[in-house]
C-alpha cells in the first residue's frame, strides 16, 4: 500500500525534536510556577503606626570595672 502523504508533510522525522521541545517547555513552566510568589494584599496593608516621640534623654551610664585581683604570692619554704 502506498503512503498517501507526501514526504515533505511527514512529521515522524522531527518527532524527537518536538518531544524535547515539549519536555523543556513543561520543565520551564513548572520551575516558573514553583518560584512564583504571591502576596496577600490584606496582610501587606497593616495600617499606620502611631509613634509618640518623647524628648526624655536617657543618661549614659558607664560601668565601673574592678581592678583584677593581685597575683598569688609564691610559696616560700622556711628552712629550719
N, C-alpha and C. Protein backbone atom coordinates (compact mmCIF):
# COMPACT_ATOMS: atom_id res chain seq x y z
N UNK A 1 0.84 -1.17 0.00
CA UNK A 1 0.00 0.00 0.00
C UNK A 1 0.89 1.23 0.00
N UNK A 2 0.62 2.14 -0.82
CA UNK A 2 1.46 3.32 -0.95
C UNK A 2 0.98 4.42 0.01
N UNK A 3 1.92 5.18 0.58
CA UNK A 3 1.53 6.24 1.50
C UNK A 3 0.80 7.35 0.76
N UNK A 4 -0.19 7.92 1.44
CA UNK A 4 -0.99 8.97 0.80
C UNK A 4 -0.40 10.36 1.03
N UNK A 5 0.52 10.48 2.00
CA UNK A 5 1.12 11.79 2.29
C UNK A 5 2.38 11.97 1.46
N UNK A 6 2.73 13.21 1.27
CA UNK A 6 3.99 13.50 0.59
C UNK A 6 5.12 13.43 1.62
N UNK A 7 6.33 13.15 1.23
CA UNK A 7 7.45 13.05 2.19
C UNK A 7 7.71 14.38 2.93
N UNK A 8 7.39 15.50 2.34
CA UNK A 8 7.60 16.79 2.99
C UNK A 8 6.63 17.00 4.15
N UNK A 9 5.46 16.40 4.12
CA UNK A 9 4.45 16.58 5.16
C UNK A 9 4.57 15.55 6.27
N UNK A 10 5.53 14.65 6.19
CA UNK A 10 5.70 13.61 7.20
C UNK A 10 6.39 14.20 8.43
N UNK A 11 5.73 14.17 9.58
CA UNK A 11 6.28 14.73 10.81
C UNK A 11 7.01 13.71 11.66
N UNK A 12 7.06 12.47 11.25
CA UNK A 12 7.75 11.44 12.01
C UNK A 12 9.25 11.68 12.06
N UNK A 13 9.80 12.39 11.09
CA UNK A 13 11.24 12.66 11.07
C UNK A 13 11.63 13.60 12.22
N UNK A 14 10.79 14.54 12.54
CA UNK A 14 11.11 15.53 13.57
C UNK A 14 10.38 15.24 14.88
N UNK A 15 10.00 14.00 15.11
CA UNK A 15 9.28 13.62 16.31
C UNK A 15 10.12 13.85 17.57
N UNK A 16 11.40 13.53 17.52
CA UNK A 16 12.30 13.71 18.66
C UNK A 16 12.47 15.17 19.05
N UNK A 17 12.54 16.05 18.05
CA UNK A 17 12.69 17.48 18.33
C UNK A 17 11.44 18.01 19.02
N UNK A 18 10.27 17.60 18.57
CA UNK A 18 9.02 18.04 19.20
C UNK A 18 8.90 17.51 20.63
N UNK A 19 9.34 16.28 20.86
CA UNK A 19 9.30 15.70 22.19
C UNK A 19 10.23 16.46 23.13
N UNK A 20 11.45 16.75 22.68
CA UNK A 20 12.39 17.51 23.51
C UNK A 20 11.88 18.91 23.78
N UNK A 21 11.31 19.55 22.80
CA UNK A 21 10.76 20.89 22.98
C UNK A 21 9.62 20.87 24.00
N UNK A 22 8.78 19.89 23.95
CA UNK A 22 7.68 19.78 24.91
C UNK A 22 8.17 19.53 26.33
N UNK A 23 9.19 18.69 26.47
CA UNK A 23 9.74 18.40 27.80
C UNK A 23 10.39 19.66 28.38
N UNK A 24 11.15 20.38 27.56
CA UNK A 24 11.80 21.61 28.03
C UNK A 24 10.75 22.65 28.40
N UNK A 25 9.72 22.78 27.61
CA UNK A 25 8.66 23.74 27.89
C UNK A 25 7.93 23.39 29.19
N UNK A 26 7.63 22.12 29.41
CA UNK A 26 6.96 21.70 30.65
C UNK A 26 7.86 21.92 31.85
N UNK A 27 9.16 21.68 31.72
CA UNK A 27 10.10 21.90 32.81
C UNK A 27 10.20 23.38 33.15
N UNK A 28 10.32 24.23 32.16
CA UNK A 28 10.39 25.67 32.41
C UNK A 28 9.11 26.19 33.04
N UNK A 29 7.98 25.70 32.60
CA UNK A 29 6.70 26.13 33.17
C UNK A 29 6.57 25.70 34.62
N UNK A 30 7.00 24.48 34.92
CA UNK A 30 6.89 24.01 36.30
C UNK A 30 7.85 24.77 37.21
N UNK A 31 9.07 25.08 36.75
CA UNK A 31 10.01 25.86 37.56
C UNK A 31 9.45 27.26 37.79
N UNK A 32 8.88 27.87 36.78
CA UNK A 32 8.30 29.20 36.93
C UNK A 32 7.16 29.19 37.94
N UNK A 33 6.30 28.19 37.89
CA UNK A 33 5.17 28.14 38.81
C UNK A 33 5.61 27.84 40.24
N UNK A 34 6.69 27.09 40.41
CA UNK A 34 7.18 26.83 41.76
C UNK A 34 7.81 28.08 42.36
N UNK A 35 8.55 28.84 41.56
CA UNK A 35 9.26 30.01 42.06
C UNK A 35 8.38 31.26 42.12
N UNK A 36 7.21 31.25 41.54
CA UNK A 36 6.34 32.43 41.50
C UNK A 36 5.80 32.71 42.89
N UNK A 37 5.93 33.96 43.34
CA UNK A 37 5.49 34.32 44.68
C UNK A 37 4.28 35.24 44.59
N UNK A 38 3.33 34.99 45.44
CA UNK A 38 2.18 35.87 45.53
C UNK A 38 2.11 36.43 46.93
N UNK A 39 1.57 37.61 47.06
CA UNK A 39 1.46 38.27 48.34
C UNK A 39 0.00 38.63 48.58
N UNK A 40 -0.47 38.34 49.79
CA UNK A 40 -1.83 38.67 50.15
C UNK A 40 -1.90 40.15 50.46
N UNK A 41 -2.75 40.89 49.75
CA UNK A 41 -2.80 42.33 49.92
C UNK A 41 -3.37 42.75 51.27
N UNK A 42 -4.23 41.94 51.87
CA UNK A 42 -4.81 42.31 53.15
C UNK A 42 -3.76 42.26 54.25
N UNK A 43 -2.79 41.39 54.15
CA UNK A 43 -1.73 41.31 55.15
C UNK A 43 -0.70 42.41 54.91
N UNK A 44 -0.48 42.78 53.66
CA UNK A 44 0.53 43.77 53.34
C UNK A 44 0.14 45.15 53.86
N UNK A 45 -1.13 45.43 53.99
CA UNK A 45 -1.58 46.73 54.47
C UNK A 45 -1.96 46.59 55.94
N UNK A 46 -1.03 46.90 56.83
CA UNK A 46 -1.27 46.76 58.26
C UNK A 46 -1.76 48.04 58.90
N UNK A 47 -1.88 49.09 58.15
CA UNK A 47 -2.33 50.35 58.70
C UNK A 47 -1.16 51.22 59.09
N UNK A 48 -1.49 52.37 59.66
CA UNK A 48 -0.44 53.30 60.04
C UNK A 48 -0.10 53.10 61.51
N UNK A 49 1.14 53.29 61.83
CA UNK A 49 1.63 53.13 63.18
C UNK A 49 1.81 54.51 63.80
N UNK A 50 1.21 54.71 64.95
CA UNK A 50 1.34 55.99 65.64
C UNK A 50 2.46 55.87 66.66
N UNK A 51 3.49 56.69 66.49
CA UNK A 51 4.64 56.66 67.38
C UNK A 51 4.70 57.99 68.11
N UNK A 52 4.79 57.91 69.44
CA UNK A 52 4.90 59.12 70.23
C UNK A 52 6.37 59.31 70.59
N UNK A 53 6.91 60.44 70.20
CA UNK A 53 8.31 60.73 70.47
C UNK A 53 8.41 61.53 71.76
N UNK A 54 9.09 60.98 72.73
CA UNK A 54 9.33 61.68 73.98
C UNK A 54 10.70 62.34 73.90
N UNK A 55 10.80 63.52 74.49
CA UNK A 55 12.07 64.24 74.47
C UNK A 55 12.91 63.91 75.70
N UNK A 56 12.61 62.81 76.34
CA UNK A 56 13.35 62.40 77.52
C UNK A 56 14.72 61.88 77.10
N UNK A 57 15.75 62.41 77.72
CA UNK A 57 17.11 61.99 77.39
C UNK A 57 17.54 60.98 78.44
N UNK A 58 17.96 59.85 77.98
CA UNK A 58 18.40 58.80 78.87
C UNK A 58 19.88 59.03 79.15
N UNK A 59 20.26 59.13 80.44
CA UNK A 59 21.67 59.39 80.72
C UNK A 59 22.54 58.19 80.38
N UNK A 60 23.75 58.50 79.93
CA UNK A 60 24.69 57.44 79.57
C UNK A 60 25.40 57.00 80.85
N UNK A 61 25.32 55.76 81.13
CA UNK A 61 25.98 55.23 82.32
C UNK A 61 27.20 54.45 81.91
N UNK A 62 28.21 54.52 82.77
CA UNK A 62 29.42 53.77 82.50
C UNK A 62 29.60 52.74 83.59
N UNK A 63 30.00 51.61 83.20
CA UNK A 63 30.16 50.50 84.12
C UNK A 63 31.52 50.62 84.81
N UNK A 64 31.49 50.48 86.13
CA UNK A 64 32.75 50.54 86.87
C UNK A 64 33.40 49.17 86.81
N UNK A 65 34.64 49.18 86.38
CA UNK A 65 35.37 47.93 86.24
C UNK A 65 36.29 47.79 87.45
N UNK A 66 36.15 46.71 88.18
CA UNK A 66 37.01 46.48 89.34
C UNK A 66 38.38 46.02 88.87
N UNK A 67 39.44 46.46 89.58
CA UNK A 67 40.78 46.02 89.15
C UNK A 67 40.93 44.52 89.38
N UNK A 68 41.76 43.89 88.60
CA UNK A 68 41.93 42.44 88.77
C UNK A 68 42.60 42.14 90.11
N UNK A 69 42.35 40.99 90.68
CA UNK A 69 42.96 40.66 91.96
C UNK A 69 44.47 40.51 91.80
N UNK A 70 45.22 40.79 92.88
CA UNK A 70 46.68 40.66 92.76
C UNK A 70 47.07 39.20 92.56
N UNK A 71 48.20 38.99 91.92
CA UNK A 71 48.64 37.60 91.69
C UNK A 71 48.97 36.94 93.01
N UNK A 72 48.81 35.62 93.10
CA UNK A 72 49.11 34.94 94.36
C UNK A 72 50.61 34.98 94.66
N UNK A 73 50.92 35.03 95.95
CA UNK A 73 52.32 35.06 96.36
C UNK A 73 52.93 33.68 96.18
N UNK A 74 54.19 33.64 95.82
CA UNK A 74 54.84 32.33 95.71
C UNK A 74 55.08 31.74 97.11
N UNK A 75 54.99 30.46 97.21
CA UNK A 75 55.18 29.79 98.49
C UNK A 75 56.66 29.77 98.84
N UNK A 76 56.95 30.18 100.02
CA UNK A 76 58.34 30.16 100.49
C UNK A 76 58.47 29.12 101.59
N UNK A 77 59.40 28.30 101.43
CA UNK A 77 59.64 27.29 102.46
C UNK A 77 60.68 27.85 103.46
N UNK A 78 60.36 27.65 104.65
CA UNK A 78 61.29 28.06 105.69
C UNK A 78 62.19 26.90 106.05
N UNK A 79 63.45 27.12 105.98
CA UNK A 79 64.39 26.07 106.31
C UNK A 79 64.73 26.18 107.79
N UNK A 80 64.50 25.15 108.50
CA UNK A 80 64.80 25.13 109.93
C UNK A 80 65.84 24.13 110.26
